């Protein structure tokens, strides 16, 4: 009987924890900041604390480390199109339990160096954004949505700003993470392998 009571208390605690709502606010404007609110607790996990600098002697490295592939638009597009169906199905099961407020983002594509490539990238980005947003809006509670995308043919560097707030219970967050874990790992491994094989082929061709 005592075991049943203990199991019942543990089950009640798990249900109570799963119902706690967590709010995350991400802001990017040259620098990235993240604020996480859990009830009355506010956390800033990415806030840097100043520490006394210690001089370290540089040791010559014998082995050259392979650089990880930098994220490109094609990589982002491939990831979004691969994982979007899983995200939509998971959110449908949760019944609009995920709240996005606000969703504000602006992107200015630089076109000074290559106007033709900038125009092509603008078209691809538009197609990706407006192919994804209607699906997310149909399964999630999204408010204060504003997305701006344009091209500046006099700019030499892209400019991106973002302000996104997400509110979700801990239980729903675990459900989404569990549903995305395997597909995300499979996609990342497949992409990195294809990137490595392309680099190897390029090195063999130049040798």
C-alpha atoms as a PDB file:
ATOM      1  CA  UNK A   1       0.000   0.000   0.000  1.00  0.00           C
ATOM      2  CA  UNK A   2       2.852   2.374   0.832  1.00  0.00           C
ATOM      3  CA  UNK A   3       4.400   1.685  -2.577  1.00  0.00           C
ATOM      4  CA  UNK A   4       1.120   2.645  -4.277  1.00  0.00           C
ATOM      5  CA  UNK A   5       1.007   5.921  -2.336  1.00  0.00           C
ATOM      6  CA  UNK A   6       4.616   6.706  -3.259  1.00  0.00           C
ATOM      7  CA  UNK A   7       3.958   5.974  -6.933  1.00  0.00           C
ATOM      8  CA  UNK A   8       0.834   8.146  -6.793  1.00  0.00           C
ATOM      9  CA  UNK A   9       2.758  11.083  -5.286  1.00  0.00           C
ATOM     10  CA  UNK A  10       5.531  10.735  -7.896  1.00  0.00           C
ATOM     11  CA  UNK A  11       2.935  10.617 -10.684  1.00  0.00           C
ATOM     12  CA  UNK A  12       1.217  13.766  -9.344  1.00  0.00           C
ATOM     13  CA  UNK A  13       4.567  15.561  -9.144  1.00  0.00           C
ATOM     14  CA  UNK A  14       5.438  14.613 -12.721  1.00  0.00           C
ATOM     15  CA  UNK A  15       2.050  15.835 -13.965  1.00  0.00           C
ATOM     16  CA  UNK A  16       2.475  19.098 -12.039  1.00  0.00           C
ATOM     17  CA  UNK A  17       5.966  19.620 -13.498  1.00  0.00           C
ATOM     18  CA  UNK A  18       4.725  18.814 -17.012  1.00  0.00           C
ATOM     19  CA  UNK A  19       2.051  21.527 -16.694  1.00  0.00           C
ATOM     20  CA  UNK A  20       4.548  24.277 -15.770  1.00  0.00           C
ATOM     21  CA  UNK A  21       4.709  26.843 -18.566  1.00  0.00           C
ATOM     22  CA  UNK A  22       8.096  28.034 -19.801  1.00  0.00           C
ATOM     23  CA  UNK A  23       8.532  31.215 -21.838  1.00  0.00           C
ATOM     24  CA  UNK A  24      11.642  31.811 -23.930  1.00  0.00           C
ATOM     25  CA  UNK A  25      12.369  35.148 -25.609  1.00  0.00           C
ATOM     26  CA  UNK A  26      15.148  35.236 -28.206  1.00  0.00           C
ATOM     27  CA  UNK A  27      16.447  38.527 -29.598  1.00  0.00           C
ATOM     28  CA  UNK A  28      19.063  38.938 -32.302  1.00  0.00           C
ATOM     29  CA  UNK A  29      20.352  42.325 -33.394  1.00  0.00           C
ATOM     30  CA  UNK A  30      24.102  42.007 -34.019  1.00  0.00           C
ATOM     31  CA  UNK A  31      24.267  40.203 -30.660  1.00  0.00           C
ATOM     32  CA  UNK A  32      22.131  37.277 -29.518  1.00  0.00           C
ATOM     33  CA  UNK A  33      20.304  37.237 -26.184  1.00  0.00           C
ATOM     34  CA  UNK A  34      18.020  34.635 -24.620  1.00  0.00           C
ATOM     35  CA  UNK A  35      15.675  35.082 -21.670  1.00  0.00           C
ATOM     36  CA  UNK A  36      13.890  32.105 -20.120  1.00  0.00           C
ATOM     37  CA  UNK A  37      11.021  32.549 -17.659  1.00  0.00           C
ATOM     38  CA  UNK A  38       9.831  29.641 -15.518  1.00  0.00           C
ATOM     39  CA  UNK A  39       7.049  30.883 -13.271  1.00  0.00           C
ATOM     40  CA  UNK A  40       8.535  33.712 -11.219  1.00  0.00           C
ATOM     41  CA  UNK A  41      12.109  32.727 -12.091  1.00  0.00           C
ATOM     42  CA  UNK A  42      13.935  34.559 -14.899  1.00  0.00           C
ATOM     43  CA  UNK A  43      17.117  33.107 -16.377  1.00  0.00           C
ATOM     44  CA  UNK A  44      19.578  34.466 -18.929  1.00  0.00           C
ATOM     45  CA  UNK A  45      21.668  31.404 -19.821  1.00  0.00           C
ATOM     46  CA  UNK A  46      23.750  33.137 -22.511  1.00  0.00           C
ATOM     47  CA  UNK A  47      24.674  36.174 -20.443  1.00  0.00           C
ATOM     48  CA  UNK A  48      28.447  36.433 -20.264  1.00  0.00           C
ATOM     49  CA  UNK A  49      30.061  37.024 -16.910  1.00  0.00           C
ATOM     50  CA  UNK A  50      33.279  38.979 -16.861  1.00  0.00           C
ATOM     51  CA  UNK A  51      36.155  36.893 -15.590  1.00  0.00           C
ATOM     52  CA  UNK A  52      39.762  37.911 -15.031  1.00  0.00           C
ATOM     53  CA  UNK A  53      41.746  37.151 -18.142  1.00  0.00           C
ATOM     54  CA  UNK A  54      44.565  34.665 -17.791  1.00  0.00           C
ATOM     55  CA  UNK A  55      47.392  34.550 -20.232  1.00  0.00           C
ATOM     56  CA  UNK A  56      47.706  31.179 -21.859  1.00  0.00           C
ATOM     57  CA  UNK A  57      50.730  29.986 -23.742  1.00  0.00           C
ATOM     58  CA  UNK A  58      49.880  28.911 -27.237  1.00  0.00           C
ATOM     59  CA  UNK A  59      51.031  25.422 -28.037  1.00  0.00           C
ATOM     60  CA  UNK A  60      51.716  24.489 -31.650  1.00  0.00           C
ATOM     61  CA  UNK A  61      48.999  22.156 -32.847  1.00  0.00           C
ATOM     62  CA  UNK A  62      50.227  19.158 -34.790  1.00  0.00           C
ATOM     63  CA  UNK A  63      46.890  17.927 -36.077  1.00  0.00           C
ATOM     64  CA  UNK A  64      44.653  20.050 -38.222  1.00  0.00           C
ATOM     65  CA  UNK A  65      41.049  19.867 -37.175  1.00  0.00           C
ATOM     66  CA  UNK A  66      38.439  19.587 -39.861  1.00  0.00           C
ATOM     67  CA  UNK A  67      36.188  22.606 -39.853  1.00  0.00           C
ATOM     68  CA  UNK A  68      32.484  21.978 -39.529  1.00  0.00           C
ATOM     69  CA  UNK A  69      30.389  23.053 -42.494  1.00  0.00           C
ATOM     70  CA  UNK A  70      29.094  26.577 -42.057  1.00  0.00           C
ATOM     71  CA  UNK A  71      25.298  26.901 -42.328  1.00  0.00           C
ATOM     72  CA  UNK A  72      24.202  27.979 -45.785  1.00  0.00           C
ATOM     73  CA  UNK A  73      20.778  28.815 -47.169  1.00  0.00           C
ATOM     74  CA  UNK A  74      20.563  25.432 -48.898  1.00  0.00           C
ATOM     75  CA  UNK A  75      21.415  23.702 -45.605  1.00  0.00           C
ATOM     76  CA  UNK A  76      18.731  25.672 -43.741  1.00  0.00           C
ATOM     77  CA  UNK A  77      16.170  25.038 -46.489  1.00  0.00           C
ATOM     78  CA  UNK A  78      16.928  21.328 -46.525  1.00  0.00           C
ATOM     79  CA  UNK A  79      16.614  21.116 -42.740  1.00  0.00           C
ATOM     80  CA  UNK A  80      13.346  23.055 -42.643  1.00  0.00           C
ATOM     81  CA  UNK A  81      11.684  21.066 -45.434  1.00  0.00           C
ATOM     82  CA  UNK A  82      12.863  17.783 -43.876  1.00  0.00           C
ATOM     83  CA  UNK A  83      11.741  18.512 -40.309  1.00  0.00           C
ATOM     84  CA  UNK A  84       8.627  20.615 -41.025  1.00  0.00           C
ATOM     85  CA  UNK A  85       6.215  17.661 -41.530  1.00  0.00           C
ATOM     86  CA  UNK A  86       7.270  16.179 -38.163  1.00  0.00           C
ATOM     87  CA  UNK A  87       6.874  19.559 -36.439  1.00  0.00           C
ATOM     88  CA  UNK A  88       3.411  20.094 -37.935  1.00  0.00           C
ATOM     89  CA  UNK A  89       2.201  16.602 -36.950  1.00  0.00           C
ATOM     90  CA  UNK A  90       3.505  17.036 -33.390  1.00  0.00           C
ATOM     91  CA  UNK A  91       1.888  20.465 -33.007  1.00  0.00           C
ATOM     92  CA  UNK A  92      -1.404  19.109 -34.370  1.00  0.00           C
ATOM     93  CA  UNK A  93      -1.442  16.473 -31.630  1.00  0.00           C
ATOM     94  CA  UNK A  94      -0.780  19.143 -28.993  1.00  0.00           C
ATOM     95  CA  UNK A  95      -3.783  21.196 -30.126  1.00  0.00           C
ATOM     96  CA  UNK A  96      -2.244  24.692 -30.404  1.00  0.00           C
ATOM     97  CA  UNK A  97      -0.578  24.347 -27.016  1.00  0.00           C
ATOM     98  CA  UNK A  98       2.468  26.253 -28.257  1.00  0.00           C
ATOM     99  CA  UNK A  99       2.220  30.047 -28.246  1.00  0.00           C
ATOM    100  CA  UNK A 100       4.419  32.319 -30.326  1.00  0.00           C
ATOM    101  CA  UNK A 101       4.323  35.988 -29.310  1.00  0.00           C
ATOM    102  CA  UNK A 102       5.874  38.006 -30.861  1.00  0.00           C
ATOM    103  CA  UNK A 103       7.315  36.732 -34.121  1.00  0.00           C
ATOM    104  CA  UNK A 104       9.194  39.707 -35.525  1.00  0.00           C
ATOM    105  CA  UNK A 105      12.008  39.265 -38.031  1.00  0.00           C
ATOM    106  CA  UNK A 106      13.649  41.383 -40.724  1.00  0.00           C
ATOM    107  CA  UNK A 107      16.276  40.395 -43.254  1.00  0.00           C
ATOM    108  CA  UNK A 108      18.048  42.640 -45.731  1.00  0.00           C
ATOM    109  CA  UNK A 109      19.941  40.738 -48.406  1.00  0.00           C
ATOM    110  CA  UNK A 110      23.086  42.459 -49.616  1.00  0.00           C
ATOM    111  CA  UNK A 111      23.351  42.764 -53.387  1.00  0.00           C
ATOM    112  CA  UNK A 112      26.293  45.089 -53.981  1.00  0.00           C
ATOM    113  CA  UNK A 113      28.751  42.328 -54.895  1.00  0.00           C
ATOM    114  CA  UNK A 114      26.422  40.098 -56.916  1.00  0.00           C
ATOM    115  CA  UNK A 115      22.967  41.575 -57.689  1.00  0.00           C
ATOM    116  CA  UNK A 116      21.813  38.504 -59.654  1.00  0.00           C
ATOM    117  CA  UNK A 117      22.628  36.087 -56.818  1.00  0.00           C
ATOM    118  CA  UNK A 118      20.957  38.421 -54.319  1.00  0.00           C
ATOM    119  CA  UNK A 119      17.764  38.450 -56.396  1.00  0.00           C
ATOM    120  CA  UNK A 120      17.790  34.645 -56.636  1.00  0.00           C
ATOM    121  CA  UNK A 121      18.357  34.325 -52.873  1.00  0.00           C
ATOM    122  CA  UNK A 122      15.497  36.767 -52.235  1.00  0.00           C
ATOM    123  CA  UNK A 123      13.135  34.626 -54.299  1.00  0.00           C
ATOM    124  CA  UNK A 124      14.219  31.398 -52.562  1.00  0.00           C
ATOM    125  CA  UNK A 125      13.889  32.976 -49.108  1.00  0.00           C
ATOM    126  CA  UNK A 126      10.403  34.292 -49.900  1.00  0.00           C
ATOM    127  CA  UNK A 127       9.284  30.884 -51.137  1.00  0.00           C
ATOM    128  CA  UNK A 128      10.670  29.196 -48.002  1.00  0.00           C
ATOM    129  CA  UNK A 129       9.154  31.676 -45.525  1.00  0.00           C
ATOM    130  CA  UNK A 130       5.679  31.763 -47.016  1.00  0.00           C
ATOM    131  CA  UNK A 131       5.703  28.017 -47.547  1.00  0.00           C
ATOM    132  CA  UNK A 132       6.431  27.433 -43.848  1.00  0.00           C
ATOM    133  CA  UNK A 133       4.491  30.199 -42.060  1.00  0.00           C
ATOM    134  CA  UNK A 134       0.932  29.208 -43.133  1.00  0.00           C
ATOM    135  CA  UNK A 135       1.539  25.642 -41.919  1.00  0.00           C
ATOM    136  CA  UNK A 136       2.851  26.832 -38.548  1.00  0.00           C
ATOM    137  CA  UNK A 137       0.014  29.341 -38.122  1.00  0.00           C
ATOM    138  CA  UNK A 138      -2.537  26.555 -38.696  1.00  0.00           C
ATOM    139  CA  UNK A 139      -1.221  24.405 -35.832  1.00  0.00           C
ATOM    140  CA  UNK A 140       0.239  26.953 -33.366  1.00  0.00           C
ATOM    141  CA  UNK A 141      -1.072  30.044 -31.581  1.00  0.00           C
ATOM    142  CA  UNK A 142       0.868  32.880 -33.253  1.00  0.00           C
ATOM    143  CA  UNK A 143       0.341  36.566 -32.458  1.00  0.00           C
ATOM    144  CA  UNK A 144       2.086  39.803 -33.425  1.00  0.00           C
ATOM    145  CA  UNK A 145       3.630  38.254 -36.525  1.00  0.00           C
ATOM    146  CA  UNK A 146       5.713  40.541 -38.696  1.00  0.00           C
ATOM    147  CA  UNK A 147       8.309  39.360 -41.210  1.00  0.00           C
ATOM    148  CA  UNK A 148      10.154  41.705 -43.533  1.00  0.00           C
ATOM    149  CA  UNK A 149      12.414  40.614 -46.383  1.00  0.00           C
ATOM    150  CA  UNK A 150      14.076  42.924 -48.886  1.00  0.00           C
ATOM    151  CA  UNK A 151      17.184  43.417 -51.009  1.00  0.00           C
ATOM    152  CA  UNK A 152      19.646  46.298 -50.754  1.00  0.00           C
ATOM    153  CA  UNK A 153      21.754  46.464 -53.903  1.00  0.00           C
ATOM    154  CA  UNK A 154      24.088  48.986 -52.300  1.00  0.00           C
ATOM    155  CA  UNK A 155      24.836  46.940 -49.154  1.00  0.00           C
ATOM    156  CA  UNK A 156      27.800  44.560 -48.976  1.00  0.00           C
ATOM    157  CA  UNK A 157      26.670  42.553 -45.919  1.00  0.00           C
ATOM    158  CA  UNK A 158      23.398  40.912 -44.930  1.00  0.00           C
ATOM    159  CA  UNK A 159      21.492  42.420 -42.000  1.00  0.00           C
ATOM    160  CA  UNK A 160      19.233  40.218 -39.865  1.00  0.00           C
ATOM    161  CA  UNK A 161      17.188  41.123 -36.789  1.00  0.00           C
ATOM    162  CA  UNK A 162      14.879  38.825 -34.884  1.00  0.00           C
ATOM    163  CA  UNK A 163      12.599  38.964 -31.831  1.00  0.00           C
ATOM    164  CA  UNK A 164      10.727  35.733 -31.108  1.00  0.00           C
ATOM    165  CA  UNK A 165       8.880  34.643 -27.988  1.00  0.00           C
ATOM    166  CA  UNK A 166       7.771  31.052 -27.378  1.00  0.00           C
ATOM    167  CA  UNK A 167       5.573  29.839 -24.523  1.00  0.00           C
ATOM    168  CA  UNK A 168       5.103  26.120 -23.902  1.00  0.00           C
ATOM    169  CA  UNK A 169       4.556  23.710 -21.039  1.00  0.00           C
ATOM    170  CA  UNK A 170       7.417  21.413 -20.033  1.00  0.00           C
ATOM    171  CA  UNK A 171       5.407  18.338 -20.995  1.00  0.00           C
ATOM    172  CA  UNK A 172       4.693  19.628 -24.502  1.00  0.00           C
ATOM    173  CA  UNK A 173       8.345  20.660 -24.911  1.00  0.00           C
ATOM    174  CA  UNK A 174       9.463  17.104 -24.123  1.00  0.00           C
ATOM    175  CA  UNK A 175       6.888  15.738 -26.574  1.00  0.00           C
ATOM    176  CA  UNK A 176       8.192  17.964 -29.386  1.00  0.00           C
ATOM    177  CA  UNK A 177      11.830  17.199 -28.541  1.00  0.00           C
ATOM    178  CA  UNK A 178      11.148  13.456 -28.514  1.00  0.00           C
ATOM    179  CA  UNK A 179       9.415  13.653 -31.885  1.00  0.00           C
ATOM    180  CA  UNK A 180      12.201  15.715 -33.497  1.00  0.00           C
ATOM    181  CA  UNK A 181      15.264  14.042 -31.982  1.00  0.00           C
ATOM    182  CA  UNK A 182      15.634  11.103 -34.358  1.00  0.00           C
ATOM    183  CA  UNK A 183      14.691  12.939 -37.619  1.00  0.00           C
ATOM    184  CA  UNK A 184      16.998  15.866 -36.719  1.00  0.00           C
ATOM    185  CA  UNK A 185      19.956  13.568 -36.014  1.00  0.00           C
ATOM    186  CA  UNK A 186      19.352  11.596 -39.211  1.00  0.00           C
ATOM    187  CA  UNK A 187      19.168  14.786 -41.280  1.00  0.00           C
ATOM    188  CA  UNK A 188      22.312  16.295 -39.708  1.00  0.00           C
ATOM    189  CA  UNK A 189      24.339  13.112 -40.135  1.00  0.00           C
ATOM    190  CA  UNK A 190      23.230  12.787 -43.755  1.00  0.00           C
ATOM    191  CA  UNK A 191      24.055  16.400 -44.532  1.00  0.00           C
ATOM    192  CA  UNK A 192      27.501  16.313 -42.873  1.00  0.00           C
ATOM    193  CA  UNK A 193      28.377  13.052 -44.653  1.00  0.00           C
ATOM    194  CA  UNK A 194      27.393  14.490 -48.035  1.00  0.00           C
ATOM    195  CA  UNK A 195      29.397  17.644 -47.273  1.00  0.00           C
ATOM    196  CA  UNK A 196      32.482  15.611 -46.332  1.00  0.00           C
ATOM    197  CA  UNK A 197      32.245  13.438 -49.449  1.00  0.00           C
ATOM    198  CA  UNK A 198      31.943  16.558 -51.646  1.00  0.00           C
ATOM    199  CA  UNK A 199      35.075  18.022 -49.998  1.00  0.00           C
ATOM    200  CA  UNK A 200      36.966  14.737 -50.445  1.00  0.00           C
ATOM    201  CA  UNK A 201      36.016  14.590 -54.115  1.00  0.00           C
ATOM    202  CA  UNK A 202      37.188  18.187 -54.548  1.00  0.00           C
ATOM    203  CA  UNK A 203      40.530  17.434 -52.862  1.00  0.00           C
ATOM    204  CA  UNK A 204      41.050  14.333 -55.035  1.00  0.00           C
ATOM    205  CA  UNK A 205      40.256  16.341 -58.181  1.00  0.00           C
ATOM    206  CA  UNK A 206      42.790  19.055 -57.290  1.00  0.00           C
ATOM    207  CA  UNK A 207      45.486  16.511 -56.289  1.00  0.00           C
END
